[in-house]
Amino acid sequence: MPDASLLIRLRTNIKKYYRMKINKDLAEALLMLSLIILVLVSTTDFDNPSTKTMIMASLGVSAGIMGVFRILGARQEKKEGE
């Protein structure tokens, strides 16, 4: 059985290594791109309305995810600045 202090050090090193850093600028750029494409798709006429709906839904979901990532990135920068 390994020593408890060894396991604790290993766990903290793994946490430091796998900590996800979110680039706020990249998330913001992808959010803007998703919204621009969403507007372009919504103003374009499609032969099949279900195709348009699926494209708009997927772009809406990706825009929402990028919005969440942007907020998380801003919080990370705020914590690092303290």
PDB file of N, CA and C in Angstrom:
ATOM      1  N   MET A   1       0.852  -1.186   0.000  1.00  0.00           N
ATOM      2  CA  MET A   1       0.000   0.000   0.000  1.00  0.00           C
ATOM      3  C   MET A   1       0.889   1.238   0.000  1.00  0.00           C
ATOM      4  N   PRO A   2       0.674   2.164  -0.943  1.00  0.00           N
ATOM      5  CA  PRO A   2       1.485   3.376  -0.994  1.00  0.00           C
ATOM      6  C   PRO A   2       1.220   4.287   0.205  1.00  0.00           C
ATOM      7  N   ASP A   3       2.214   5.095   0.486  1.00  0.00           N
ATOM      8  CA  ASP A   3       2.122   6.049   1.584  1.00  0.00           C
ATOM      9  C   ASP A   3       1.043   7.092   1.279  1.00  0.00           C
ATOM     10  N   ALA A   4       0.313   7.548   2.293  1.00  0.00           N
ATOM     11  CA  ALA A   4      -0.786   8.516   2.102  1.00  0.00           C
ATOM     12  C   ALA A   4      -0.261   9.859   1.599  1.00  0.00           C
ATOM     13  N   SER A   5       0.891  10.282   2.085  1.00  0.00           N
ATOM     14  CA  SER A   5       1.436  11.574   1.640  1.00  0.00           C
ATOM     15  C   SER A   5       1.823  11.518   0.168  1.00  0.00           C
ATOM     16  N   LEU A   6       2.286  10.369  -0.294  1.00  0.00           N
ATOM     17  CA  LEU A   6       2.618  10.203  -1.704  1.00  0.00           C
ATOM     18  C   LEU A   6       1.364  10.327  -2.568  1.00  0.00           C
ATOM     19  N   LEU A   7       0.282   9.712  -2.109  1.00  0.00           N
ATOM     20  CA  LEU A   7      -0.977   9.788  -2.851  1.00  0.00           C
ATOM     21  C   LEU A   7      -1.509  11.217  -2.893  1.00  0.00           C
ATOM     22  N   ILE A   8      -1.374  11.948  -1.795  1.00  0.00           N
ATOM     23  CA  ILE A   8      -1.837  13.342  -1.756  1.00  0.00           C
ATOM     24  C   ILE A   8      -1.016  14.199  -2.704  1.00  0.00           C
ATOM     25  N   ARG A   9       0.305  14.028  -2.705  1.00  0.00           N
ATOM     26  CA  ARG A   9       1.159  14.802  -3.622  1.00  0.00           C
ATOM     27  C   ARG A   9       0.847  14.460  -5.068  1.00  0.00           C
ATOM     28  N   LEU A  10       0.627  13.199  -5.359  1.00  0.00           N
ATOM     29  CA  LEU A  10       0.290  12.779  -6.719  1.00  0.00           C
ATOM     30  C   LEU A  10      -1.031  13.396  -7.165  1.00  0.00           C
ATOM     31  N   ARG A  11      -1.998  13.404  -6.271  1.00  0.00           N
ATOM     32  CA  ARG A  11      -3.306  13.990  -6.602  1.00  0.00           C
ATOM     33  C   ARG A  11      -3.201  15.484  -6.877  1.00  0.00           C
ATOM     34  N   THR A  12      -2.451  16.218  -6.080  1.00  0.00           N
ATOM     35  CA  THR A  12      -2.318  17.656  -6.314  1.00  0.00           C
ATOM     36  C   THR A  12      -1.549  17.939  -7.589  1.00  0.00           C
ATOM     37  N   ASN A  13      -0.559  17.124  -7.916  1.00  0.00           N
ATOM     38  CA  ASN A  13       0.176  17.319  -9.167  1.00  0.00           C
ATOM     39  C   ASN A  13      -0.711  17.041 -10.378  1.00  0.00           C
ATOM     40  N   ILE A  14      -1.557  16.028 -10.280  1.00  0.00           N
ATOM     41  CA  ILE A  14      -2.475  15.726 -11.382  1.00  0.00           C
ATOM     42  C   ILE A  14      -3.473  16.867 -11.554  1.00  0.00           C
ATOM     43  N   LYS A  15      -3.981  17.425 -10.459  1.00  0.00           N
ATOM     44  CA  LYS A  15      -4.915  18.548 -10.545  1.00  0.00           C
ATOM     45  C   LYS A  15      -4.252  19.748 -11.210  1.00  0.00           C
ATOM     46  N   LYS A  16      -2.996  20.026 -10.866  1.00  0.00           N
ATOM     47  CA  LYS A  16      -2.291  21.158 -11.472  1.00  0.00           C
ATOM     48  C   LYS A  16      -2.064  20.927 -12.955  1.00  0.00           C
ATOM     49  N   TYR A  17      -1.762  19.706 -13.331  1.00  0.00           N
ATOM     50  CA  TYR A  17      -1.456  19.402 -14.721  1.00  0.00           C
ATOM     51  C   TYR A  17      -2.693  19.475 -15.599  1.00  0.00           C
ATOM     52  N   TYR A  18      -3.810  18.988 -15.089  1.00  0.00           N
ATOM     53  CA  TYR A  18      -5.023  18.907 -15.903  1.00  0.00           C
ATOM     54  C   TYR A  18      -5.983  20.082 -15.699  1.00  0.00           C
ATOM     55  N   ARG A  19      -5.553  21.125 -15.029  1.00  0.00           N
ATOM     56  CA  ARG A  19      -6.412  22.290 -14.844  1.00  0.00           C
ATOM     57  C   ARG A  19      -6.636  22.957 -16.200  1.00  0.00           C
ATOM     58  N   MET A  20      -7.897  23.135 -16.562  1.00  0.00           N
ATOM     59  CA  MET A  20      -8.223  23.675 -17.872  1.00  0.00           C
ATOM     60  C   MET A  20      -8.147  25.191 -17.843  1.00  0.00           C
ATOM     61  N   LYS A  21      -7.387  25.755 -18.743  1.00  0.00           N
ATOM     62  CA  LYS A  21      -7.285  27.200 -18.867  1.00  0.00           C
ATOM     63  C   LYS A  21      -8.100  27.623 -20.076  1.00  0.00           C
ATOM     64  N   ILE A  22      -9.060  28.503 -19.875  1.00  0.00           N
ATOM     65  CA  ILE A  22      -9.945  28.945 -20.940  1.00  0.00           C
ATOM     66  C   ILE A  22      -9.470  30.299 -21.435  1.00  0.00           C
ATOM     67  N   ASN A  23      -9.229  30.384 -22.724  1.00  0.00           N
ATOM     68  CA  ASN A  23      -8.837  31.645 -23.325  1.00  0.00           C
ATOM     69  C   ASN A  23     -10.102  32.433 -23.634  1.00  0.00           C
ATOM     70  N   LYS A  24     -10.280  33.549 -22.916  1.00  0.00           N
ATOM     71  CA  LYS A  24     -11.496  34.341 -23.048  1.00  0.00           C
ATOM     72  C   LYS A  24     -11.627  34.933 -24.447  1.00  0.00           C
ATOM     73  N   ASP A  25     -10.509  35.342 -25.048  1.00  0.00           N
ATOM     74  CA  ASP A  25     -10.555  35.939 -26.386  1.00  0.00           C
ATOM     75  C   ASP A  25     -10.996  34.932 -27.440  1.00  0.00           C
ATOM     76  N   LEU A  26     -10.507  33.702 -27.337  1.00  0.00           N
ATOM     77  CA  LEU A  26     -10.907  32.666 -28.283  1.00  0.00           C
ATOM     78  C   LEU A  26     -12.391  32.350 -28.141  1.00  0.00           C
ATOM     79  N   ALA A  27     -12.870  32.241 -26.909  1.00  0.00           N
ATOM     80  CA  ALA A  27     -14.290  31.963 -26.680  1.00  0.00           C
ATOM     81  C   ALA A  27     -15.141  33.108 -27.220  1.00  0.00           C
ATOM     82  N   GLU A  28     -14.688  34.338 -27.043  1.00  0.00           N
ATOM     83  CA  GLU A  28     -15.436  35.493 -27.545  1.00  0.00           C
ATOM     84  C   GLU A  28     -15.460  35.515 -29.072  1.00  0.00           C
ATOM     85  N   ALA A  29     -14.342  35.185 -29.711  1.00  0.00           N
ATOM     86  CA  ALA A  29     -14.289  35.154 -31.175  1.00  0.00           C
ATOM     87  C   ALA A  29     -15.200  34.064 -31.732  1.00  0.00           C
ATOM     88  N   LEU A  30     -15.200  32.888 -31.114  1.00  0.00           N
ATOM     89  CA  LEU A  30     -16.080  31.810 -31.573  1.00  0.00           C
ATOM     90  C   LEU A  30     -17.554  32.139 -31.325  1.00  0.00           C
ATOM     91  N   LEU A  31     -17.831  32.843 -30.243  1.00  0.00           N
ATOM     92  CA  LEU A  31     -19.195  33.278 -29.963  1.00  0.00           C
ATOM     93  C   LEU A  31     -19.675  34.253 -31.037  1.00  0.00           C
ATOM     94  N   MET A  32     -18.848  35.223 -31.391  1.00  0.00           N
ATOM     95  CA  MET A  32     -19.227  36.176 -32.430  1.00  0.00           C
ATOM     96  C   MET A  32     -19.408  35.487 -33.772  1.00  0.00           C
ATOM     97  N   LEU A  33     -18.518  34.562 -34.096  1.00  0.00           N
ATOM     98  CA  LEU A  33     -18.629  33.822 -35.358  1.00  0.00           C
ATOM     99  C   LEU A  33     -19.920  33.002 -35.405  1.00  0.00           C
ATOM    100  N   SER A  34     -20.253  32.350 -34.308  1.00  0.00           N
ATOM    101  CA  SER A  34     -21.488  31.568 -34.263  1.00  0.00           C
ATOM    102  C   SER A  34     -22.708  32.454 -34.451  1.00  0.00           C
ATOM    103  N   LEU A  35     -22.699  33.618 -33.822  1.00  0.00           N
ATOM    104  CA  LEU A  35     -23.843  34.512 -33.948  1.00  0.00           C
ATOM    105  C   LEU A  35     -23.964  35.088 -35.359  1.00  0.00           C
ATOM    106  N   ILE A  36     -22.843  35.421 -35.982  1.00  0.00           N
ATOM    107  CA  ILE A  36     -22.875  35.937 -37.356  1.00  0.00           C
ATOM    108  C   ILE A  36     -23.415  34.875 -38.308  1.00  0.00           C
ATOM    109  N   ILE A  37     -22.926  33.649 -38.183  1.00  0.00           N
ATOM    110  CA  ILE A  37     -23.407  32.571 -39.047  1.00  0.00           C
ATOM    111  C   ILE A  37     -24.877  32.276 -38.757  1.00  0.00           C
ATOM    112  N   LEU A  38     -25.283  32.380 -37.502  1.00  0.00           N
ATOM    113  CA  LEU A  38     -26.682  32.168 -37.145  1.00  0.00           C
ATOM    114  C   LEU A  38     -27.583  33.191 -37.829  1.00  0.00           C
ATOM    115  N   VAL A  39     -27.159  34.436 -37.871  1.00  0.00           N
ATOM    116  CA  VAL A  39     -27.939  35.472 -38.552  1.00  0.00           C
ATOM    117  C   VAL A  39     -27.969  35.217 -40.050  1.00  0.00           C
ATOM    118  N   LEU A  40     -26.831  34.838 -40.621  1.00  0.00           N
ATOM    119  CA  LEU A  40     -26.801  34.563 -42.058  1.00  0.00           C
ATOM    120  C   LEU A  40     -27.700  33.389 -42.435  1.00  0.00           C
ATOM    121  N   VAL A  41     -27.689  32.343 -41.637  1.00  0.00           N
ATOM    122  CA  VAL A  41     -28.535  31.183 -41.925  1.00  0.00           C
ATOM    123  C   VAL A  41     -30.006  31.552 -41.769  1.00  0.00           C
ATOM    124  N   SER A  42     -30.314  32.345 -40.754  1.00  0.00           N
ATOM    125  CA  SER A  42     -31.725  32.683 -40.518  1.00  0.00           C
ATOM    126  C   SER A  42     -32.299  33.557 -41.624  1.00  0.00           C
ATOM    127  N   THR A  43     -31.475  34.338 -42.313  1.00  0.00           N
ATOM    128  CA  THR A  43     -31.984  35.199 -43.384  1.00  0.00           C
ATOM    129  C   THR A  43     -31.925  34.537 -44.753  1.00  0.00           C
ATOM    130  N   THR A  44     -31.399  33.331 -44.835  1.00  0.00           N
ATOM    131  CA  THR A  44     -31.293  32.617 -46.107  1.00  0.00           C
ATOM    132  C   THR A  44     -32.500  31.702 -46.288  1.00  0.00           C
ATOM    133  N   ASP A  45     -32.986  31.611 -47.521  1.00  0.00           N
ATOM    134  CA  ASP A  45     -34.093  30.709 -47.825  1.00  0.00           C
ATOM    135  C   ASP A  45     -33.566  29.294 -48.077  1.00  0.00           C
ATOM    136  N   PHE A  46     -34.205  28.331 -47.450  1.00  0.00           N
ATOM    137  CA  PHE A  46     -33.853  26.927 -47.613  1.00  0.00           C
ATOM    138  C   PHE A  46     -35.025  26.197 -48.246  1.00  0.00           C
ATOM    139  N   ASP A  47     -34.720  25.167 -49.030  1.00  0.00           N
ATOM    140  CA  ASP A  47     -35.775  24.340 -49.607  1.00  0.00           C
ATOM    141  C   ASP A  47     -36.441  23.476 -48.542  1.00  0.00           C
ATOM    142  N   ASN A  48     -35.634  23.015 -47.603  1.00  0.00           N
ATOM    143  CA  ASN A  48     -36.126  22.132 -46.551  1.00  0.00           C
ATOM    144  C   ASN A  48     -36.061  22.875 -45.210  1.00  0.00           C
ATOM    145  N   PRO A  49     -37.186  23.200 -44.604  1.00  0.00           N
ATOM    146  CA  PRO A  49     -37.148  23.959 -43.348  1.00  0.00           C
ATOM    147  C   PRO A  49     -36.528  23.187 -42.181  1.00  0.00           C
ATOM    148  N   SER A  50     -36.584  21.862 -42.230  1.00  0.00           N
ATOM    149  CA  SER A  50     -35.988  21.108 -41.120  1.00  0.00           C
ATOM    150  C   SER A  50     -34.470  21.228 -41.130  1.00  0.00           C
ATOM    151  N   THR A  51     -33.871  21.345 -42.312  1.00  0.00           N
ATOM    152  CA  THR A  51     -32.424  21.549 -42.395  1.00  0.00           C
ATOM    153  C   THR A  51     -32.037  22.876 -41.760  1.00  0.00           C
ATOM    154  N   LYS A  52     -32.799  23.893 -42.064  1.00  0.00           N
ATOM    155  CA  LYS A  52     -32.539  25.221 -41.496  1.00  0.00           C
ATOM    156  C   LYS A  52     -32.694  25.186 -39.974  1.00  0.00           C
ATOM    157  N   THR A  53     -33.708  24.483 -39.506  1.00  0.00           N
ATOM    158  CA  THR A  53     -33.940  24.382 -38.065  1.00  0.00           C
ATOM    159  C   THR A  53     -32.797  23.658 -37.372  1.00  0.00           C
ATOM    160  N   MET A  54     -32.317  22.567 -37.970  1.00  0.00           N
ATOM    161  CA  MET A  54     -31.210  21.821 -37.364  1.00  0.00           C
ATOM    162  C   MET A  54     -29.930  22.658 -37.334  1.00  0.00           C
ATOM    163  N   ILE A  55     -29.646  23.369 -38.415  1.00  0.00           N
ATOM    164  CA  ILE A  55     -28.446  24.212 -38.458  1.00  0.00           C
ATOM    165  C   ILE A  55     -28.541  25.318 -37.416  1.00  0.00           C
ATOM    166  N   MET A  56     -29.705  25.964 -37.337  1.00  0.00           N
ATOM    167  CA  MET A  56     -29.865  27.055 -36.376  1.00  0.00           C
ATOM    168  C   MET A  56     -29.807  26.550 -34.933  1.00  0.00           C
ATOM    169  N   ALA A  57     -30.361  25.369 -34.683  1.00  0.00           N
ATOM    170  CA  ALA A  57     -30.310  24.814 -33.325  1.00  0.00           C
ATOM    171  C   ALA A  57     -28.874  24.485 -32.919  1.00  0.00           C
ATOM    172  N   SER A  58     -28.117  23.878 -33.834  1.00  0.00           N
ATOM    173  CA  SER A  58     -26.725  23.539 -33.495  1.00  0.00           C
ATOM    174  C   SER A  58     -25.884  24.799 -33.305  1.00  0.00           C
ATOM    175  N   LEU A  59     -26.109  25.814 -34.120  1.00  0.00           N
ATOM    176  CA  LEU A  59     -25.373  27.071 -33.938  1.00  0.00           C
ATOM    177  C   LEU A  59     -25.789  27.773 -32.641  1.00  0.00           C
ATOM    178  N   GLY A  60     -27.061  27.681 -32.295  1.00  0.00           N
ATOM    179  CA  GLY A  60     -27.514  28.270 -31.037  1.00  0.00           C
ATOM    180  C   GLY A  60     -26.895  27.590 -29.832  1.00  0.00           C
ATOM    181  N   VAL A  61     -26.805  26.268 -29.886  1.00  0.00           N
ATOM    182  CA  VAL A  61     -26.168  25.520 -28.792  1.00  0.00           C
ATOM    183  C   VAL A  61     -24.686  25.878 -28.694  1.00  0.00           C
ATOM    184  N   SER A  62     -23.997  25.944 -29.843  1.00  0.00           N
ATOM    185  CA  SER A  62     -22.572  26.287 -29.802  1.00  0.00           C
ATOM    186  C   SER A  62     -22.368  27.716 -29.301  1.00  0.00           C
ATOM    187  N   ALA A  63     -23.266  28.641 -29.667  1.00  0.00           N
ATOM    188  CA  ALA A  63     -23.156  30.005 -29.155  1.00  0.00           C
ATOM    189  C   ALA A  63     -23.375  30.037 -27.649  1.00  0.00           C
ATOM    190  N   GLY A  64     -24.319  29.242 -27.162  1.00  0.00           N
ATOM    191  CA  GLY A  64     -24.550  29.180 -25.719  1.00  0.00           C
ATOM    192  C   GLY A  64     -23.359  28.610 -24.962  1.00  0.00           C
ATOM    193  N   ILE A  65     -22.748  27.571 -25.509  1.00  0.00           N
ATOM    194  CA  ILE A  65     -21.570  26.974 -24.875  1.00  0.00           C
ATOM    195  C   ILE A  65     -20.410  27.967 -24.858  1.00  0.00           C
ATOM    196  N   MET A  66     -20.217  28.680 -25.964  1.00  0.00           N
ATOM    197  CA  MET A  66     -19.139  29.670 -26.010  1.00  0.00           C
ATOM    198  C   MET A  66     -19.404  30.817 -25.039  1.00  0.00           C
ATOM    199  N   GLY A  67     -20.668  31.168 -24.841  1.00  0.00           N
ATOM    200  CA  GLY A  67     -21.013  32.184 -23.843  1.00  0.00           C
ATOM    201  C   GLY A  67     -20.639  31.739 -22.435  1.00  0.00           C
ATOM    202  N   VAL A  68     -20.912  30.485 -22.141  1.00  0.00           N
ATOM    203  CA  VAL A  68     -20.543  29.938 -20.828  1.00  0.00           C
ATOM    204  C   VAL A  68     -19.029  29.913 -20.669  1.00  0.00           C
ATOM    205  N   PHE A  69     -18.314  29.484 -21.721  1.00  0.00           N
ATOM    206  CA  PHE A  69     -16.853  29.464 -21.659  1.00  0.00           C
ATOM    207  C   PHE A  69     -16.277  30.860 -21.484  1.00  0.00           C
ATOM    208  N   ARG A  70     -16.904  31.857 -22.114  1.00  0.00           N
ATOM    209  CA  ARG A  70     -16.426  33.227 -21.971  1.00  0.00           C
ATOM    210  C   ARG A  70     -16.577  33.696 -20.525  1.00  0.00           C
ATOM    211  N   ILE A  71     -17.705  33.372 -19.905  1.00  0.00           N
ATOM    212  CA  ILE A  71     -17.918  33.747 -18.505  1.00  0.00           C
ATOM    213  C   ILE A  71     -16.920  33.030 -17.603  1.00  0.00           C
ATOM    214  N   LEU A  72     -16.691  31.736 -17.852  1.00  0.00           N
ATOM    215  CA  LEU A  72     -15.719  30.992 -17.049  1.00  0.00           C
ATOM    216  C   LEU A  72     -14.306  31.534 -17.232  1.00  0.00           C
ATOM    217  N   GLY A  73     -13.960  31.916 -18.463  1.00  0.00           N
ATOM    218  CA  GLY A  73     -12.646  32.493 -18.720  1.00  0.00           C
ATOM    219  C   GLY A  73     -12.453  33.810 -18.001  1.00  0.00           C
ATOM    220  N   ALA A  74     -13.508  34.626 -17.951  1.00  0.00           N
ATOM    221  CA  ALA A  74     -13.420  35.903 -17.236  1.00  0.00           C
ATOM    222  C   ALA A  74     -13.237  35.668 -15.740  1.00  0.00           C
ATOM    223  N   ARG A  75     -13.909  34.655 -15.209  1.00  0.00           N
ATOM    224  CA  ARG A  75     -13.742  34.340 -13.783  1.00  0.00           C
ATOM    225  C   ARG A  75     -12.335  33.840 -13.491  1.00  0.00           C
ATOM    226  N   GLN A  76     -11.780  33.036 -14.399  1.00  0.00           N
ATOM    227  CA  GLN A  76     -10.405  32.539 -14.195  1.00  0.00           C
ATOM    228  C   GLN A  76      -9.416  33.688 -14.209  1.00  0.00           C
ATOM    229  N   GLU A  77      -9.581  34.624 -15.156  1.00  0.00           N
ATOM    230  CA  GLU A  77      -8.671  35.772 -15.205  1.00  0.00           C
ATOM    231  C   GLU A  77      -8.794  36.620 -13.951  1.00  0.00           C
ATOM    232  N   LYS A  78     -10.008  36.747 -13.430  1.00  0.00           N
ATOM    233  CA  LYS A  78     -10.226  37.533 -12.214  1.00  0.00           C
ATOM    234  C   LYS A  78      -9.523  36.876 -11.030  1.00  0.00           C
ATOM    235  N   LYS A  79      -9.614  35.534 -10.925  1.00  0.00           N
ATOM    236  CA  LYS A  79      -8.946  34.820  -9.837  1.00  0.00           C
ATOM    237  C   LYS A  79      -7.430  34.929  -9.936  1.00  0.00           C
ATOM    238  N   GLU A  80      -6.890  34.859 -11.159  1.00  0.00           N
ATOM    239  CA  GLU A  80      -5.437  34.937 -11.345  1.00  0.00           C
ATOM    240  C   GLU A  80      -4.914  36.343 -11.053  1.00  0.00           C
ATOM    241  N   GLY A  81      -5.754  37.349 -11.256  1.00  0.00           N
ATOM    242  CA  GLY A  81      -5.346  38.724 -11.005  1.00  0.00           C
ATOM    243  C   GLY A  81      -5.275  39.074  -9.537  1.00  0.00           C
ATOM    244  N   GLU A  82      -5.962  38.300  -8.703  1.00  0.00           N
ATOM    245  CA  GLU A  82      -5.963  38.601  -7.262  1.00  0.00           C
ATOM    246  C   GLU A  82      -4.690  38.218  -6.588  1.00  0.00           C
TER     247      GLU A  82
END
